Amino acid sequence: MSDSSVNRSNLSKLKFVANLSTNFCDDDFCVRFEKARDSGFKAVEAQLLYDQNVKDLQKARLKTDLKVVLMNSPAVSKNSGDHSLGIACVPGFEVEFLQSIHSAIIYATALDCKKVHILAGLKDEKTKDEELMPFYVQNLKQATEMLSEYNIQALIEPICPQTKPLYFLDSYEKAKNVIDEVQEDNLKLLLDVHHMHMLGLNVEDGIKQYLPLAGHVQISQAPERREPFYPSGEINYARVFDLLVELGYGGYIGLEYVPSDYEKCFEWLKH
């Protein structure tokens, strides 16, 4: 898909941030702060930071003067089951979940990060959603209260089954219902355009419907998680960017994609 149809005036009104977990995978993690700065970014986001020394991350952020705008809550390592995408919905892990949020607070405050995406976790094929929902909602209520004490916003993100089969939060309608049930101003939606498309929603309609709930936006092409104007992409990002401007979105947009060419991965952003 070509970027020739992009409205450059609108593009300049949007705030893009590099994703340190996907954009600079060939470099040591702390070096990625410098790579992002040298690529012209003023802010960054990341997925999982917890295998990095928090003081080293803090030094890298201060050295580059980059703002960290988003990070995930920790994945939790257990002897049984796959908890690589969190445990918020998993019965019997309430203590471990609150411990994971405490870890997120330590890292977020050290990096002055004001948004944490809370990983929902996986459901069992035999377990119905309504059996897990009370645990998920209660955990989110406690997490948002903990995070609000440090002026940190909680986010939840629907993830498509093509990325992670059996992920509990697997639809935007479910995410909206969860936000309505939790009833905390501190809980917002992480709107990922790639997942929206892969979940079968019309992207334009979906953005119009769910952007008012969003505390952050992420983008990548589909079906591959490549840069927005990757030739075989299915999403019209020229229209997505125009729509975000038209709807008055003033938040950050995370570039959560794996570049097809690391030398040219941000050329579409250059004016």
Protein backbone atom coordinates (compact mmCIF):
# COMPACT_ATOMS: atom_id res chain seq x y z
CA MET A 1 0.00 0.00 0.00
CA SER A 2 1.46 3.34 -1.07
CA ASP A 3 1.74 6.35 1.23
CA SER A 4 1.26 8.73 -1.70
CA SER A 5 -2.31 9.48 -0.65
CA VAL A 6 -1.34 10.54 2.88
CA ASN A 7 -2.46 14.00 3.95
CA ARG A 8 0.87 15.29 5.28
CA SER A 9 -0.80 18.17 7.05
CA ASN A 10 -2.92 15.75 9.06
CA LEU A 11 0.04 13.44 9.67
CA SER A 12 1.96 16.30 11.27
CA LYS A 13 -0.88 16.81 13.77
CA LEU A 14 -0.52 13.29 15.21
CA LYS A 15 1.93 12.22 17.91
CA PHE A 16 3.76 9.01 17.02
CA VAL A 17 5.95 7.09 19.44
CA ALA A 18 8.46 4.32 18.76
CA ASN A 19 7.88 0.92 20.33
CA LEU A 20 11.12 -0.22 21.93
CA SER A 21 10.00 -3.85 21.94
CA THR A 22 9.31 -4.12 18.21
CA ASN A 23 11.08 -1.33 16.30
CA PHE A 24 14.72 -1.87 17.28
CA CYS A 25 15.01 -5.58 17.98
CA ASP A 26 18.63 -5.87 16.80
CA ASP A 27 19.93 -3.63 19.60
CA ASP A 28 20.39 -4.07 23.34
CA PHE A 29 17.31 -2.75 25.07
CA CYS A 30 18.79 0.35 26.69
CA VAL A 31 20.48 1.27 23.39
CA ARG A 32 17.03 1.38 21.80
CA PHE A 33 16.31 4.63 23.67
CA GLU A 34 19.19 6.23 21.74
CA LYS A 35 17.99 4.69 18.48
CA ALA A 36 14.53 6.15 19.02
CA ARG A 37 15.93 9.58 19.87
CA ASP A 38 18.23 9.52 16.85
CA SER A 39 15.26 8.59 14.67
CA GLY A 40 13.54 11.79 15.74
CA PHE A 41 11.12 10.53 18.38
CA LYS A 42 10.31 12.47 21.53
CA ALA A 43 8.51 9.59 23.24
CA VAL A 44 8.47 5.80 23.30
CA GLU A 45 6.37 2.86 24.48
CA ALA A 46 7.33 -0.71 25.31
CA GLN A 47 5.84 -4.10 26.02
CA LEU A 48 7.61 -6.06 28.75
CA LEU A 49 10.48 -4.32 30.54
CA TYR A 50 10.83 -6.52 33.58
CA ASP A 51 13.85 -8.53 32.45
CA GLN A 52 15.77 -5.23 32.37
CA ASN A 53 17.35 -3.55 35.37
CA VAL A 54 15.06 -0.68 36.30
CA LYS A 55 17.97 1.62 37.14
CA ASP A 56 19.56 0.98 33.74
CA LEU A 57 16.27 1.82 32.04
CA GLN A 58 15.95 4.97 34.12
CA LYS A 59 19.45 6.09 33.13
CA ALA A 60 18.73 5.43 29.45
CA ARG A 61 15.53 7.46 29.60
CA LEU A 62 17.17 10.38 31.37
CA LYS A 63 20.16 10.32 29.01
CA THR A 64 17.94 10.57 25.95
CA ASP A 65 15.26 12.81 27.52
CA LEU A 66 12.56 10.59 26.01
CA LYS A 67 9.11 10.30 27.52
CA VAL A 68 7.88 6.76 28.23
CA VAL A 69 4.14 6.83 27.56
CA LEU A 70 3.05 3.18 27.86
CA MET A 71 4.21 -0.17 29.19
CA ASN A 72 2.58 -3.55 29.84
CA SER A 73 1.95 -5.12 33.20
CA PRO A 74 4.23 -8.12 33.83
CA ALA A 75 3.70 -11.54 32.39
CA VAL A 76 3.82 -14.04 35.25
CA SER A 77 5.99 -17.16 35.19
CA LYS A 78 4.34 -20.20 36.75
CA ASN A 79 5.13 -23.90 36.75
CA SER A 80 1.83 -24.82 35.12
CA GLY A 81 -0.12 -23.17 32.35
CA ASP A 82 0.70 -20.38 29.93
CA HIS A 83 0.67 -17.06 31.77
CA SER A 84 2.84 -15.18 29.29
CA LEU A 85 -0.04 -12.80 28.62
CA GLY A 86 -0.97 -12.09 32.21
CA ILE A 87 -3.27 -13.51 34.88
CA ALA A 88 -5.96 -10.88 35.41
CA CYS A 89 -8.74 -13.29 34.42
CA VAL A 90 -7.26 -16.44 36.00
CA PRO A 91 -8.92 -17.70 39.21
CA GLY A 92 -6.58 -18.49 42.09
CA PHE A 93 -3.91 -15.96 41.10
CA GLU A 94 -5.29 -12.90 42.85
CA VAL A 95 -2.25 -12.45 45.10
CA GLU A 96 0.19 -12.91 42.23
CA PHE A 97 -1.83 -10.47 40.13
CA LEU A 98 -1.61 -7.71 42.75
CA GLN A 99 2.11 -8.42 43.07
CA SER A 100 2.46 -7.98 39.32
CA ILE A 101 0.71 -4.61 39.49
CA HIS A 102 3.05 -3.60 42.28
CA SER A 103 5.99 -4.46 39.99
CA ALA A 104 4.42 -2.41 37.22
CA ILE A 105 4.13 0.56 39.57
CA ILE A 106 7.83 0.31 40.50
CA TYR A 107 8.90 0.38 36.85
CA ALA A 108 6.32 2.96 35.76
CA THR A 109 7.21 5.42 38.51
CA ALA A 110 10.93 4.98 37.84
CA LEU A 111 10.35 5.82 34.18
CA ASP A 112 7.65 8.43 34.83
CA CYS A 113 5.27 6.37 32.70
CA LYS A 114 1.61 7.27 33.19
CA LYS A 115 -0.14 4.40 31.37
CA VAL A 116 0.01 0.65 32.05
CA HIS A 117 -1.65 -1.93 29.82
CA ILE A 118 -2.97 -4.71 32.06
CA LEU A 119 -2.61 -8.10 30.39
CA ALA A 120 -5.82 -10.10 30.69
CA GLY A 121 -4.45 -13.63 30.45
CA LEU A 122 -5.69 -16.76 28.68
CA LYS A 123 -8.90 -18.69 29.13
CA ASP A 124 -9.30 -22.45 29.10
CA GLU A 125 -11.14 -23.98 26.14
CA LYS A 126 -13.56 -25.60 28.57
CA THR A 127 -14.18 -22.50 30.71
CA LYS A 128 -16.93 -20.07 29.79
CA ASP A 129 -16.32 -16.33 29.78
CA GLU A 130 -18.98 -15.73 32.43
CA GLU A 131 -17.04 -17.94 34.86
CA LEU A 132 -13.89 -15.83 34.51
CA MET A 133 -15.45 -12.39 34.20
CA PRO A 134 -15.99 -11.81 37.97
CA PHE A 135 -12.30 -12.51 38.67
CA TYR A 136 -11.23 -10.25 35.80
CA VAL A 137 -13.47 -7.36 36.83
CA GLN A 138 -12.50 -7.58 40.50
CA ASN A 139 -8.79 -7.69 39.67
CA LEU A 140 -9.15 -4.70 37.38
CA LYS A 141 -10.97 -2.73 40.08
CA GLN A 142 -8.14 -3.35 42.53
CA ALA A 143 -5.48 -2.64 39.92
CA THR A 144 -6.99 0.66 38.83
CA GLU A 145 -7.23 1.76 42.45
CA MET A 146 -3.56 0.89 43.03
CA LEU A 147 -2.44 2.64 39.85
CA SER A 148 -4.55 5.75 40.50
CA GLU A 149 -2.65 6.36 43.72
CA TYR A 150 0.40 7.02 41.53
CA ASN A 151 -1.53 8.94 38.85
CA ILE A 152 -1.13 6.02 36.42
CA GLN A 153 -3.91 5.12 34.01
CA ALA A 154 -4.90 1.47 33.44
CA LEU A 155 -5.57 0.24 29.90
CA ILE A 156 -7.09 -2.97 28.53
CA GLU A 157 -6.61 -4.19 24.95
CA PRO A 158 -8.63 -6.65 22.87
CA ILE A 159 -6.22 -9.05 21.14
CA CYS A 160 -7.15 -11.14 18.10
CA PRO A 161 -6.89 -14.97 18.18
CA GLN A 162 -4.46 -14.92 15.26
CA THR A 163 -1.97 -13.24 17.60
CA LYS A 164 -2.85 -15.16 20.76
CA PRO A 165 -5.44 -17.94 20.73
CA LEU A 166 -7.68 -18.06 23.81
CA TYR A 167 -6.78 -14.56 24.99
CA PHE A 168 -9.61 -13.63 27.35
CA LEU A 169 -10.23 -10.09 26.12
CA ASP A 170 -10.99 -11.03 22.52
CA SER A 171 -13.52 -8.43 21.38
CA TYR A 172 -14.10 -4.69 21.54
CA GLU A 173 -17.67 -5.19 22.71
CA LYS A 174 -16.40 -7.24 25.64
CA ALA A 175 -13.82 -4.56 26.47
CA LYS A 176 -16.52 -1.87 26.49
CA ASN A 177 -18.70 -4.00 28.76
CA VAL A 178 -15.77 -4.52 31.14
CA ILE A 179 -15.04 -0.79 31.30
CA ASP A 180 -18.73 -0.13 31.98
CA GLU A 181 -18.79 -2.75 34.75
CA VAL A 182 -15.56 -1.69 36.45
CA GLN A 183 -16.83 1.90 36.56
CA GLU A 184 -13.47 3.53 37.19
CA ASP A 185 -12.47 6.73 35.40
CA ASN A 186 -8.92 5.44 35.52
CA LEU A 187 -9.65 2.51 33.17
CA LYS A 188 -9.45 3.13 29.41
CA LEU A 189 -9.22 1.20 26.17
CA LEU A 190 -6.01 0.53 24.29
CA LEU A 191 -7.23 0.76 20.71
CA ASP A 192 -4.98 -1.28 18.42
CA VAL A 193 -6.03 -0.84 14.79
CA HIS A 194 -4.35 -4.10 13.74
CA HIS A 195 -6.35 -6.15 16.24
CA MET A 196 -9.52 -4.27 15.36
CA HIS A 197 -9.12 -5.29 11.71
CA MET A 198 -8.12 -8.88 12.50
CA LEU A 199 -11.16 -9.25 14.78
CA GLY A 200 -13.36 -8.53 11.77
CA LEU A 201 -14.45 -4.98 12.54
CA ASN A 202 -14.69 -2.32 9.90
CA VAL A 203 -11.78 -0.13 10.97
CA GLU A 204 -13.42 3.21 10.21
CA ASP A 205 -16.64 2.29 11.99
CA GLY A 206 -14.70 0.74 14.88
CA ILE A 207 -12.57 3.82 15.42
CA LYS A 208 -15.63 6.05 15.41
CA GLN A 209 -17.36 3.81 17.94
CA TYR A 210 -14.53 3.04 20.34
CA LEU A 211 -12.12 5.99 20.15
CA PRO A 212 -14.07 7.87 22.88
CA LEU A 213 -13.08 5.07 25.28
CA ALA A 214 -9.43 5.04 24.25
CA GLY A 215 -6.51 6.17 26.36
CA HIS A 216 -3.95 5.13 23.75
CA VAL A 217 -3.80 3.99 20.11
CA GLN A 218 -1.43 1.52 18.46
CA ILE A 219 -0.97 0.75 14.79
CA SER A 220 0.54 -1.86 12.48
CA GLN A 221 -0.46 -3.35 9.17
CA ALA A 222 -2.49 -6.52 8.73
CA PRO A 223 -2.29 -9.42 8.45
CA GLU A 224 1.45 -9.01 9.06
CA ARG A 225 2.46 -6.58 11.79
CA ARG A 226 4.47 -4.36 9.45
CA GLU A 227 4.75 -0.61 8.92
CA PRO A 228 1.50 1.20 7.98
CA PHE A 229 2.17 1.39 4.25
CA TYR A 230 3.59 -2.08 3.76
CA PRO A 231 2.71 -3.03 0.13
CA SER A 232 0.48 -6.03 0.88
CA GLY A 233 -1.30 -4.40 3.82
CA GLU A 234 -5.07 -4.58 4.17
CA ILE A 235 -5.63 -1.45 6.27
CA ASN A 236 -5.97 1.98 4.65
CA TYR A 237 -3.80 3.98 7.03
CA ALA A 238 -4.10 7.17 5.02
CA ARG A 239 -7.78 7.12 5.97
CA VAL A 240 -7.07 6.03 9.55
CA PHE A 241 -4.77 9.00 10.13
CA ASP A 242 -7.23 11.45 8.58
CA LEU A 243 -10.00 10.00 10.73
CA LEU A 244 -8.01 10.32 13.96
CA VAL A 245 -7.45 13.99 13.18
CA GLU A 246 -11.09 14.52 12.21
CA LEU A 247 -12.23 12.96 15.50
CA GLY A 248 -9.86 15.16 17.48
CA TYR A 249 -7.62 12.44 18.89
CA GLY A 250 -4.79 14.16 20.74
CA GLY A 251 -3.11 11.19 22.41
CA TYR A 252 -0.10 9.17 21.41
CA ILE A 253 0.01 6.58 18.64
CA GLY A 254 2.35 3.67 19.25
CA LEU A 255 4.18 2.12 16.30
CA GLU A 256 3.86 -1.46 17.47
CA TYR A 257 5.14 -3.07 14.29
CA VAL A 258 8.12 -5.13 13.23
CA PRO A 259 9.73 -3.24 10.32
CA SER A 260 10.20 -5.04 7.03
CA ASP A 261 13.38 -2.97 6.56
CA TYR A 262 15.15 -1.58 9.61
CA GLU A 263 16.93 1.05 7.52
CA LYS A 264 13.69 2.44 6.12
CA CYS A 265 11.17 1.65 8.85
CA PHE A 266 10.25 5.29 9.55
CA GLU A 267 10.58 6.79 6.06
CA TRP A 268 6.80 7.16 5.81
CA LEU A 269 6.97 9.68 8.68
CA LYS A 270 9.51 11.97 7.04
CA HIS A 271 8.14 15.18 5.56
